[in-house]
């Protein structure tokens, strides 16, 4: 079954998993298997005035819709592109007096599209909105209560002159959003800024060690009326060689968790039991729970104690980060590392989590040498755990490379940036803003490295002068979330 731009994949019935996607031809790492525009998408409530409602880029100055005073756009191009989807919303917000929550807005956008085009197969879609899973039957009591509140709020917002839908159908749409909503990120891919529905992507089943990755591409609206003018879309990209007939899989959760934890998370959020090879055989669990080997091997009791101490510290760290108490975070990390280092192995996830937070926060506080040491240990652990073409691994290598550069460790910094670049070329592609940024860094560090190798003394003198003249680039404030998770789940 193929449709506009989707010739290279087909929908099939996957044993024990329902529908799935299968490759129709061979793909190599980095190939775009398909690109899909959103069926409907909205910006998160908390960011509606700083993110463009068409392309989801974060911008300093946005133009506000003069009618509803709610929607914001980069420019006239983005505003015009949005009108078909914003028209009904615009008058409904004016009439309602205020904009409803992101969930209600997304449901309304889906319904208006159905009103315009019907609920059958939309152009380029392999499945219709009606056929998407809603899992409403699996909802807990709490989730059912939230669903009733959403349906009531939706009915208050939905205009009387629009097509009217039954309660069951409205519940179906909210169920679809709940388990199929995809996280949209800003142009740097570092912050989650919205949620969208992509029916074809929804057909890709989960695997903890997938052969594909999904990247959000904000499109290029500046290149008006040129061959480069592209719309906002997601891209399904191959991570490894895929043969015709292979199932295409993506990971719904971060791999950096033991199989039991990943399975719990998948069951809670997506209502299925993961039967992938890595979960069934608990592959890499031993690495993630590694303890120090050798003569002084710690007792099971000590390991248990230190693991519990790590969990408690992570909770305290989260609290301190929320309050912006970054020096307190560093103190907690150092204390925790002192306890962990004689007991936990280099790939233990509790050690890696503390190293990750410590390196990020120390970079922000411009304590680069200590940050670089922790970042190096963190990526050494990640390299043994993650799939070699994992986007999270690429981003971690990039951050570690920048930290080493700031610490004046040019050889290690350049090496890490090159490794990151090789991964992001596959996961994000050469034209993604983050890959372009990395290419600039790679060229710059290569040049500096050559200088360093020719004359170390001169290199440090020039670097010192350069840093005096330019403001040291302030590292972004540590975020409280790791990079955006693939599917957006209403917490």
Protein backbone atom coordinates (compact mmCIF):
# COMPACT_ATOMS: atom_id res chain seq x y z
CA UNK A 1 0.00 0.00 0.00
CA UNK A 2 1.79 3.15 -1.12
CA UNK A 3 0.75 6.73 -1.55
CA UNK A 4 2.28 10.07 -2.60
CA UNK A 5 5.94 10.11 -1.54
CA UNK A 6 5.50 6.91 0.46
CA UNK A 7 6.45 4.45 -2.32
CA UNK A 8 9.41 3.07 -0.39
CA UNK A 9 7.37 1.74 2.55
CA UNK A 10 4.29 -0.40 3.04
CA UNK A 11 1.93 -1.03 5.93
CA UNK A 12 1.79 -4.67 7.04
CA UNK A 13 0.46 -6.65 9.98
CA UNK A 14 3.33 -7.24 12.39
CA UNK A 15 3.01 -10.38 14.49
CA UNK A 16 1.85 -9.53 17.99
CA UNK A 17 2.17 -5.78 17.38
CA UNK A 18 -0.69 -4.88 15.03
CA UNK A 19 0.23 -2.67 12.10
CA UNK A 20 3.81 -1.86 11.23
CA UNK A 21 5.91 -0.39 8.42
CA UNK A 22 8.12 -2.41 6.09
CA UNK A 23 10.86 -1.25 3.71
CA UNK A 24 10.19 -1.78 0.00
CA UNK A 25 13.82 -1.18 -1.02
CA UNK A 26 17.32 -1.05 0.45
CA UNK A 27 18.36 1.90 2.62
CA UNK A 28 21.78 2.89 3.90
CA UNK A 29 22.57 4.79 7.14
CA UNK A 30 21.50 8.43 6.80
CA UNK A 31 18.99 7.83 3.97
CA UNK A 32 15.65 9.61 4.38
CA UNK A 33 13.04 6.86 4.13
CA UNK A 34 10.18 9.35 4.03
CA UNK A 35 9.36 12.91 5.07
CA UNK A 36 5.87 13.73 6.34
CA UNK A 37 4.20 17.08 7.06
CA UNK A 38 2.06 17.26 10.21
CA UNK A 39 -1.62 16.35 9.87
CA UNK A 40 -2.09 18.95 12.62
CA UNK A 41 0.29 20.58 15.13
CA UNK A 42 0.26 23.20 17.91
CA UNK A 43 2.80 25.11 20.01
CA UNK A 44 2.90 24.32 23.76
CA UNK A 45 0.84 26.66 25.98
CA UNK A 46 3.94 27.97 27.78
CA UNK A 47 5.71 29.01 24.54
CA UNK A 48 2.93 30.39 22.33
CA UNK A 49 4.47 33.89 22.14
CA UNK A 50 8.13 32.90 21.53
CA UNK A 51 7.72 30.15 18.91
CA UNK A 52 6.35 30.54 15.37
CA UNK A 53 2.99 28.73 15.05
CA UNK A 54 3.85 27.63 11.49
CA UNK A 55 7.46 26.41 11.48
CA UNK A 56 8.01 26.05 15.26
CA UNK A 57 11.27 28.01 15.24
CA UNK A 58 12.13 30.04 18.33
CA UNK A 59 12.50 33.69 17.34
CA UNK A 60 13.27 36.91 19.20
CA UNK A 61 10.64 39.02 17.44
CA UNK A 62 7.46 37.49 16.12
CA UNK A 63 4.43 39.02 14.38
CA UNK A 64 1.16 38.56 16.25
CA UNK A 65 -2.11 37.71 14.51
CA UNK A 66 -4.07 40.98 14.60
CA UNK A 67 -7.42 39.16 14.88
CA UNK A 68 -7.10 36.69 17.77
CA UNK A 69 -3.94 38.23 19.33
CA UNK A 70 -2.91 34.65 20.18
CA UNK A 71 -0.96 33.19 17.25
CA UNK A 72 2.57 34.38 16.44
CA UNK A 73 4.58 34.03 13.22
CA UNK A 74 8.14 34.63 11.92
CA UNK A 75 6.87 36.77 9.05
CA UNK A 76 4.14 37.13 6.41
CA UNK A 77 5.27 33.92 4.65
CA UNK A 78 4.67 31.85 7.78
CA UNK A 79 1.43 33.71 8.51
CA UNK A 80 0.07 33.05 5.01
CA UNK A 81 1.10 29.39 5.19
CA UNK A 82 -0.81 29.06 8.48
CA UNK A 83 -4.08 30.65 7.41
CA UNK A 84 -5.86 27.51 6.20
CA UNK A 85 -5.29 25.86 9.60
CA UNK A 86 -5.61 29.02 11.69
CA UNK A 87 -8.75 30.54 10.13
CA UNK A 88 -11.34 28.59 12.16
CA UNK A 89 -9.16 28.65 15.27
CA UNK A 90 -8.78 32.42 14.97
CA UNK A 91 -12.52 33.14 15.05
CA UNK A 92 -13.17 30.47 17.72
CA UNK A 93 -10.53 32.02 20.05
CA UNK A 94 -12.03 35.49 19.53
CA UNK A 95 -15.50 34.18 20.32
CA UNK A 96 -14.35 32.07 23.29
CA UNK A 97 -12.45 35.01 24.76
CA UNK A 98 -9.22 33.07 25.26
CA UNK A 99 -7.24 30.21 23.76
CA UNK A 100 -7.84 26.76 25.29
CA UNK A 101 -5.01 24.34 26.26
CA UNK A 102 -2.69 22.76 23.69
CA UNK A 103 -4.60 19.45 23.82
CA UNK A 104 -7.93 21.14 23.02
CA UNK A 105 -6.32 23.26 20.29
CA UNK A 106 -4.76 20.19 18.65
CA UNK A 107 -8.04 18.24 18.79
CA UNK A 108 -9.88 21.23 17.27
CA UNK A 109 -7.33 21.55 14.43
CA UNK A 110 -7.76 17.85 13.65
CA UNK A 111 -11.58 18.20 13.63
CA UNK A 112 -11.50 21.26 11.37
CA UNK A 113 -9.28 19.38 8.94
CA UNK A 114 -11.76 16.48 9.00
CA UNK A 115 -14.58 18.98 8.41
CA UNK A 116 -12.70 20.31 5.33
CA UNK A 117 -11.38 17.05 3.89
CA UNK A 118 -13.38 14.21 5.46
CA UNK A 119 -11.86 11.56 7.74
CA UNK A 120 -10.78 9.20 4.95
CA UNK A 121 -7.21 8.89 3.74
CA UNK A 122 -5.58 12.30 3.49
CA UNK A 123 -3.16 12.86 0.62
CA UNK A 124 0.16 11.09 1.23
CA UNK A 125 -1.21 9.22 4.28
CA UNK A 126 -1.05 5.44 4.57
CA UNK A 127 -3.79 5.37 7.22
CA UNK A 128 -6.72 7.60 8.13
CA UNK A 129 -7.18 9.42 11.44
CA UNK A 130 -10.13 7.07 12.12
CA UNK A 131 -7.81 4.06 11.93
CA UNK A 132 -5.19 5.32 14.38
CA UNK A 133 -4.98 3.59 17.77
CA UNK A 134 -6.60 5.47 20.67
CA UNK A 135 -6.09 2.98 23.58
CA UNK A 136 -9.01 4.60 25.44
CA UNK A 137 -10.03 1.15 26.70
CA UNK A 138 -6.63 0.82 28.44
CA UNK A 139 -6.88 4.19 30.24
CA UNK A 140 -6.56 4.23 34.02
CA UNK A 141 -9.33 5.86 36.09
CA UNK A 142 -7.20 9.00 36.37
CA UNK A 143 -6.70 9.15 32.59
CA UNK A 144 -10.43 8.63 31.99
CA UNK A 145 -11.17 11.52 34.32
CA UNK A 146 -8.74 13.77 32.42
CA UNK A 147 -10.33 12.65 29.15
CA UNK A 148 -13.80 13.70 30.37
CA UNK A 149 -12.43 17.14 31.36
CA UNK A 150 -10.80 17.52 27.92
CA UNK A 151 -14.00 16.55 26.11
CA UNK A 152 -16.04 19.06 28.15
CA UNK A 153 -13.51 21.85 27.51
CA UNK A 154 -13.48 20.96 23.82
CA UNK A 155 -17.28 21.21 23.58
CA UNK A 156 -17.21 24.65 25.23
CA UNK A 157 -14.63 25.86 22.69
CA UNK A 158 -16.03 24.18 19.56
CA UNK A 159 -18.19 26.63 17.55
CA UNK A 160 -21.88 25.86 17.01
CA UNK A 161 -21.60 26.55 13.25
CA UNK A 162 -18.83 23.94 12.78
CA UNK A 163 -19.60 20.28 12.04
CA UNK A 164 -20.73 18.55 15.23
CA UNK A 165 -19.08 15.29 16.32
CA UNK A 166 -20.31 12.63 18.77
CA UNK A 167 -18.78 12.17 22.22
CA UNK A 168 -17.25 8.83 21.26
CA UNK A 169 -15.50 10.30 18.22
CA UNK A 170 -14.17 13.26 20.21
CA UNK A 171 -12.83 10.79 22.81
CA UNK A 172 -11.18 8.82 19.97
CA UNK A 173 -9.34 11.98 18.81
CA UNK A 174 -8.10 12.74 22.34
CA UNK A 175 -6.98 9.10 22.70
CA UNK A 176 -5.06 9.40 19.42
CA UNK A 177 -3.34 12.59 20.66
CA UNK A 178 -2.55 10.94 23.99
CA UNK A 179 -0.65 7.99 22.55
CA UNK A 180 0.45 9.25 19.11
CA UNK A 181 1.36 12.89 19.74
CA UNK A 182 4.88 13.57 18.46
CA UNK A 183 7.20 16.08 20.15
CA UNK A 184 8.21 19.00 17.94
CA UNK A 185 11.48 20.77 18.74
CA UNK A 186 12.94 24.18 17.97
CA UNK A 187 15.39 24.64 15.09
CA UNK A 188 18.36 23.54 17.23
CA UNK A 189 16.56 20.38 18.30
CA UNK A 190 17.32 21.14 21.94
CA UNK A 191 13.95 22.18 23.33
CA UNK A 192 10.52 20.63 22.95
CA UNK A 193 8.20 23.39 21.72
CA UNK A 194 5.03 21.71 20.50
CA UNK A 195 3.11 18.57 19.61
CA UNK A 196 1.85 17.23 16.29
CA UNK A 197 0.12 14.23 14.73
CA UNK A 198 1.90 12.38 11.90
CA UNK A 199 -0.26 9.40 10.81
CA UNK A 200 2.46 7.59 8.80
CA UNK A 201 5.04 7.87 11.56
CA UNK A 202 2.46 6.43 13.99
CA UNK A 203 2.66 3.15 12.05
CA UNK A 204 6.34 2.60 12.92
CA UNK A 205 6.60 0.17 15.83
CA UNK A 206 8.98 0.54 18.75
CA UNK A 207 12.27 -1.27 19.22
CA UNK A 208 14.78 -0.36 21.95
CA UNK A 209 17.58 -0.87 19.35
CA UNK A 210 15.84 0.55 16.27
CA UNK A 211 17.00 0.71 12.65
CA UNK A 212 15.52 4.21 12.14
CA UNK A 213 15.42 7.56 13.87
CA UNK A 214 13.02 10.47 13.57
CA UNK A 215 14.16 14.04 13.21
CA UNK A 216 11.98 17.14 13.18
CA UNK A 217 12.86 19.54 10.38
CA UNK A 218 11.45 23.07 10.72
CA UNK A 219 11.57 23.58 6.96
CA UNK A 220 12.84 26.62 5.13
CA UNK A 221 10.32 29.43 4.82
CA UNK A 222 12.81 32.15 4.00
CA UNK A 223 13.51 30.80 0.55
CA UNK A 224 10.19 32.02 -0.81
CA UNK A 225 9.22 30.77 -4.27
CA UNK A 226 12.51 28.95 -4.70
CA UNK A 227 13.24 25.28 -5.12
CA UNK A 228 14.52 25.28 -1.52
CA UNK A 229 11.23 26.39 0.02
CA UNK A 230 10.28 23.41 2.17
CA UNK A 231 7.53 22.96 4.70
CA UNK A 232 7.89 21.84 8.29
CA UNK A 233 8.01 18.04 8.45
CA UNK A 234 9.41 15.00 10.21
CA UNK A 235 11.97 12.77 8.49
CA UNK A 236 12.33 9.05 9.11
CA UNK A 237 16.04 8.31 8.61
CA UNK A 238 17.86 4.97 8.44
CA UNK A 239 20.41 4.31 11.22
CA UNK A 240 21.81 1.10 9.76
CA UNK A 241 21.57 -0.83 6.51
CA UNK A 242 17.96 -1.87 5.89
CA UNK A 243 17.03 -4.56 3.36
CA UNK A 244 13.74 -4.78 1.40
CA UNK A 245 11.13 -6.50 3.58
CA UNK A 246 12.73 -5.44 6.91
CA UNK A 247 10.41 -3.87 9.47
CA UNK A 248 11.14 -0.17 10.11
CA UNK A 249 11.39 0.58 13.83
CA UNK A 250 11.97 3.66 15.99
CA UNK A 251 12.57 3.96 19.72
CA UNK A 252 9.83 5.64 21.76
CA UNK A 253 12.07 5.96 24.84
CA UNK A 254 15.72 6.72 25.61
CA UNK A 255 17.80 3.54 25.65
CA UNK A 256 19.77 4.63 28.74
CA UNK A 257 17.71 2.56 31.19
CA UNK A 258 17.71 -1.11 32.13
CA UNK A 259 15.25 -3.24 30.16
CA UNK A 260 12.82 -3.64 33.08
CA UNK A 261 12.56 0.16 33.48
CA UNK A 262 12.11 0.73 29.74
CA UNK A 263 9.38 -1.91 29.63
CA UNK A 264 7.57 -0.30 32.58
CA UNK A 265 7.74 3.11 30.90
CA UNK A 266 6.46 1.73 27.57
CA UNK A 267 3.59 -0.12 29.26
CA UNK A 268 2.57 2.97 31.23
CA UNK A 269 2.79 5.43 28.34
CA UNK A 270 1.98 3.34 25.27
CA UNK A 271 0.07 0.35 26.69
CA UNK A 272 2.17 -2.49 25.24
CA UNK A 273 4.74 -5.02 26.45
CA UNK A 274 8.07 -4.60 24.69
CA UNK A 275 9.27 -7.89 23.21
CA UNK A 276 12.33 -6.53 21.39
CA UNK A 277 15.55 -8.54 21.43
CA UNK A 278 17.28 -6.14 23.86
CA UNK A 279 14.44 -6.41 26.40
CA UNK A 280 13.94 -10.16 26.05
CA UNK A 281 17.65 -10.93 26.45
CA UNK A 282 18.31 -7.94 28.77
CA UNK A 283 21.19 -6.95 26.48
CA UNK A 284 23.47 -4.27 27.99
CA UNK A 285 21.69 -4.42 31.40
CA UNK A 286 24.94 -5.77 32.89
CA UNK A 287 26.83 -2.73 31.58
CA UNK A 288 24.20 -0.31 32.89
CA UNK A 289 24.39 -1.84 36.38
CA UNK A 290 28.16 -2.50 36.31
CA UNK A 291 30.11 -2.50 39.59
CA UNK A 292 33.85 -2.12 40.20
CA UNK A 293 35.77 -5.34 39.50
CA UNK A 294 39.05 -6.49 41.03
CA UNK A 295 40.33 -7.36 44.51
CA UNK A 296 38.19 -4.79 46.29
CA UNK A 297 34.95 -5.80 44.61
CA UNK A 298 32.14 -4.18 46.66
CA UNK A 299 29.55 -6.33 48.42
CA UNK A 300 25.96 -6.52 47.11
CA UNK A 301 24.88 -4.60 50.21
CA UNK A 302 27.28 -1.71 49.44
CA UNK A 303 26.12 -1.59 45.80
CA UNK A 304 22.50 -1.44 46.93
CA UNK A 305 23.29 1.33 49.40
CA UNK A 306 25.19 3.46 46.84
CA UNK A 307 22.49 2.96 44.20
CA UNK A 308 19.84 4.17 46.65
CA UNK A 309 22.04 7.11 47.64
CA UNK A 310 22.38 7.99 43.91
CA UNK A 311 18.59 7.92 43.41
CA UNK A 312 18.02 10.14 46.45
CA UNK A 313 20.74 12.57 45.28
CA UNK A 314 19.17 12.78 41.79
CA UNK A 315 15.90 13.88 43.42
CA UNK A 316 17.71 16.56 45.44
CA UNK A 317 19.56 17.68 42.30
CA UNK A 318 16.29 18.06 40.39
CA UNK A 319 14.89 20.21 43.16
CA UNK A 320 18.02 22.42 43.26
CA UNK A 321 18.01 22.76 39.45
CA UNK A 322 14.37 23.82 39.44
CA UNK A 323 15.31 26.58 41.89
CA UNK A 324 18.37 27.57 39.83
CA UNK A 325 20.77 26.70 42.69
CA UNK A 326 23.58 25.54 40.42
CA UNK A 327 26.41 25.67 42.99
CA UNK A 328 24.29 23.42 45.20
CA UNK A 329 23.89 21.02 42.24
CA UNK A 330 27.68 20.87 41.81
CA UNK A 331 28.17 20.18 45.54
CA UNK A 332 25.60 17.33 45.42
CA UNK A 333 27.26 15.84 42.29
CA UNK A 334 30.74 15.91 43.84
CA UNK A 335 29.49 14.23 47.05
CA UNK A 336 27.67 11.58 45.06
CA UNK A 337 30.67 10.86 42.78
CA UNK A 338 32.89 10.39 45.83
CA UNK A 339 30.54 7.64 47.04
CA UNK A 340 29.98 6.12 43.57
CA UNK A 341 33.58 5.96 42.28
CA UNK A 342 34.91 3.12 44.50
CA UNK A 343 31.72 1.07 43.98
CA UNK A 344 30.09 1.56 40.55
CA UNK A 345 31.53 0.57 37.17
CA UNK A 346 32.35 3.11 34.41
CA UNK A 347 29.16 2.33 32.46
CA UNK A 348 26.78 2.30 35.45
CA UNK A 349 23.80 4.51 34.54
CA UNK A 350 23.64 6.14 38.00
CA UNK A 351 27.27 7.21 37.67
CA UNK A 352 26.68 8.39 34.06
CA UNK A 353 23.64 10.46 35.09
CA UNK A 354 25.62 12.31 37.75
CA UNK A 355 28.57 12.84 35.36
CA UNK A 356 26.18 14.24 32.73
CA UNK A 357 24.57 16.75 35.13
CA UNK A 358 27.93 17.73 36.65
CA UNK A 359 29.53 18.43 33.25
CA UNK A 360 26.53 20.43 32.01
CA UNK A 361 26.19 22.60 35.12
CA UNK A 362 29.96 23.16 35.53
CA UNK A 363 30.12 24.27 31.86
CA UNK A 364 27.34 26.75 32.55
CA UNK A 365 29.31 28.05 35.55
CA UNK A 366 32.38 28.30 33.26
CA UNK A 367 34.39 25.78 35.30
CA UNK A 368 35.49 24.10 32.10
CA UNK A 369 38.41 21.92 33.19
CA UNK A 370 36.43 19.97 35.76
CA UNK A 371 33.46 19.87 33.38
CA UNK A 372 35.64 18.41 30.59
CA UNK A 373 36.92 15.63 32.84
CA UNK A 374 33.37 14.56 33.72
CA UNK A 375 32.17 14.95 30.11
CA UNK A 376 34.95 12.66 28.86
CA UNK A 377 34.06 9.94 31.37
CA UNK A 378 30.38 10.31 30.50
CA UNK A 379 30.87 9.87 26.73
CA UNK A 380 33.29 6.97 27.23
CA UNK A 381 30.45 5.20 29.07
CA UNK A 382 27.85 6.21 26.47
CA UNK A 383 29.99 4.86 23.62
CA UNK A 384 29.83 1.38 25.19
CA UNK A 385 26.05 1.50 25.71
CA UNK A 386 24.33 3.40 22.89
CA UNK A 387 23.84 2.33 19.27
CA UNK A 388 26.79 3.86 17.36
CA UNK A 389 24.40 6.06 15.36
CA UNK A 390 22.20 7.22 18.23
CA UNK A 391 21.20 10.93 18.11
CA UNK A 392 21.47 11.31 21.93
CA UNK A 393 25.03 9.98 21.73
CA UNK A 394 25.84 12.46 18.93
CA UNK A 395 24.49 15.38 20.98
CA UNK A 396 26.40 14.27 24.09
CA UNK A 397 29.65 14.05 22.07
CA UNK A 398 29.01 17.51 20.68
CA UNK A 399 28.49 19.02 24.14
CA UNK A 400 31.59 17.24 25.43
CA UNK A 401 33.61 18.55 22.46
CA UNK A 402 32.54 22.15 23.08
CA UNK A 403 33.36 21.79 26.79
CA UNK A 404 36.86 20.49 25.96
CA UNK A 405 37.39 23.39 23.54
CA UNK A 406 36.43 25.87 26.28
CA UNK A 407 38.88 24.14 28.62
CA UNK A 408 41.65 24.70 26.06
CA UNK A 409 41.94 20.95 25.36
CA UNK A 410 42.02 21.35 21.60
CA UNK A 411 43.08 17.81 20.59
CA UNK A 412 40.39 16.03 22.61
CA UNK A 413 37.82 18.73 21.72
CA UNK A 414 38.40 18.37 17.98
CA UNK A 415 38.26 14.56 18.22
CA UNK A 416 34.91 14.62 20.04
CA UNK A 417 33.44 17.18 17.62
CA UNK A 418 34.48 14.99 14.64
CA UNK A 419 32.82 11.93 16.23
CA UNK A 420 29.65 13.93 16.91
CA UNK A 421 29.61 15.27 13.33
CA UNK A 422 29.84 11.74 11.85
CA UNK A 423 26.79 10.65 13.89
CA UNK A 424 24.66 13.76 13.27
CA UNK A 425 25.27 13.54 9.50
CA UNK A 426 23.34 10.25 9.72
CA UNK A 427 20.71 11.16 12.33
CA UNK A 428 20.01 14.78 11.31
CA UNK A 429 21.43 15.08 7.78
CA UNK A 430 23.86 17.69 6.40
CA UNK A 431 21.35 20.55 6.07
CA UNK A 432 19.97 20.48 9.64
CA UNK A 433 20.92 23.66 11.59
CA UNK A 434 22.64 21.67 14.33
CA UNK A 435 24.78 19.75 11.81
CA UNK A 436 25.70 23.03 10.10
CA UNK A 437 26.75 24.51 13.48
CA UNK A 438 28.85 21.43 14.12
CA UNK A 439 30.51 21.68 10.70
CA UNK A 440 31.59 25.27 11.54
CA UNK A 441 33.00 24.06 14.88
CA UNK A 442 34.78 21.17 13.17
CA UNK A 443 36.50 23.47 10.67
CA UNK A 444 37.46 25.95 13.40
CA UNK A 445 38.88 23.33 15.78
CA UNK A 446 40.77 21.67 12.91
CA UNK A 447 42.43 24.99 12.10
CA UNK A 448 43.28 25.60 15.76
CA UNK A 449 44.63 22.08 16.11
CA UNK A 450 47.03 22.64 13.19
CA UNK A 451 48.25 25.82 14.83
CA UNK A 452 48.63 24.04 18.16
CA UNK A 453 50.69 21.24 16.58
CA UNK A 454 52.99 23.75 14.86
CA UNK A 455 53.65 25.91 17.91
CA UNK A 456 52.00 25.15 21.22
CA UNK A 457 53.29 28.24 22.98
CA UNK A 458 52.09 30.61 20.23
CA UNK A 459 48.73 28.84 20.12
CA UNK A 460 48.05 29.48 23.82
CA UNK A 461 49.22 33.10 23.53
CA UNK A 462 46.85 33.74 20.60
CA UNK A 463 44.02 31.93 22.31
CA UNK A 464 44.49 34.03 25.44
CA UNK A 465 44.37 37.23 23.37
CA UNK A 466 41.33 36.06 21.42
CA UNK A 467 39.44 35.15 24.59
CA UNK A 468 40.22 38.52 26.15
CA UNK A 469 38.76 40.31 23.15
CA UNK A 470 35.64 38.24 22.78
CA UNK A 471 33.09 37.56 25.41
CA UNK A 472 33.34 33.93 26.34
CA UNK A 473 30.32 32.29 24.84
CA UNK A 474 28.02 31.64 27.79
CA UNK A 475 26.82 28.09 27.85
CA UNK A 476 23.04 27.68 27.66
CA UNK A 477 21.37 27.46 31.02
CA UNK A 478 21.05 23.82 32.06
CA UNK A 479 17.63 22.55 31.09
CA UNK A 480 15.53 20.38 33.35
CA UNK A 481 14.72 17.95 30.61
CA UNK A 482 17.03 15.81 28.60
CA UNK A 483 16.68 16.38 24.88
CA UNK A 484 13.02 16.07 23.81
CA UNK A 485 11.63 12.55 23.92
CA UNK A 486 10.22 11.18 20.69
CA UNK A 487 6.54 10.95 21.48
CA UNK A 488 4.81 13.59 23.53
CA UNK A 489 2.93 12.04 26.41
CA UNK A 490 0.64 14.20 28.50
CA UNK A 491 2.00 13.85 32.03
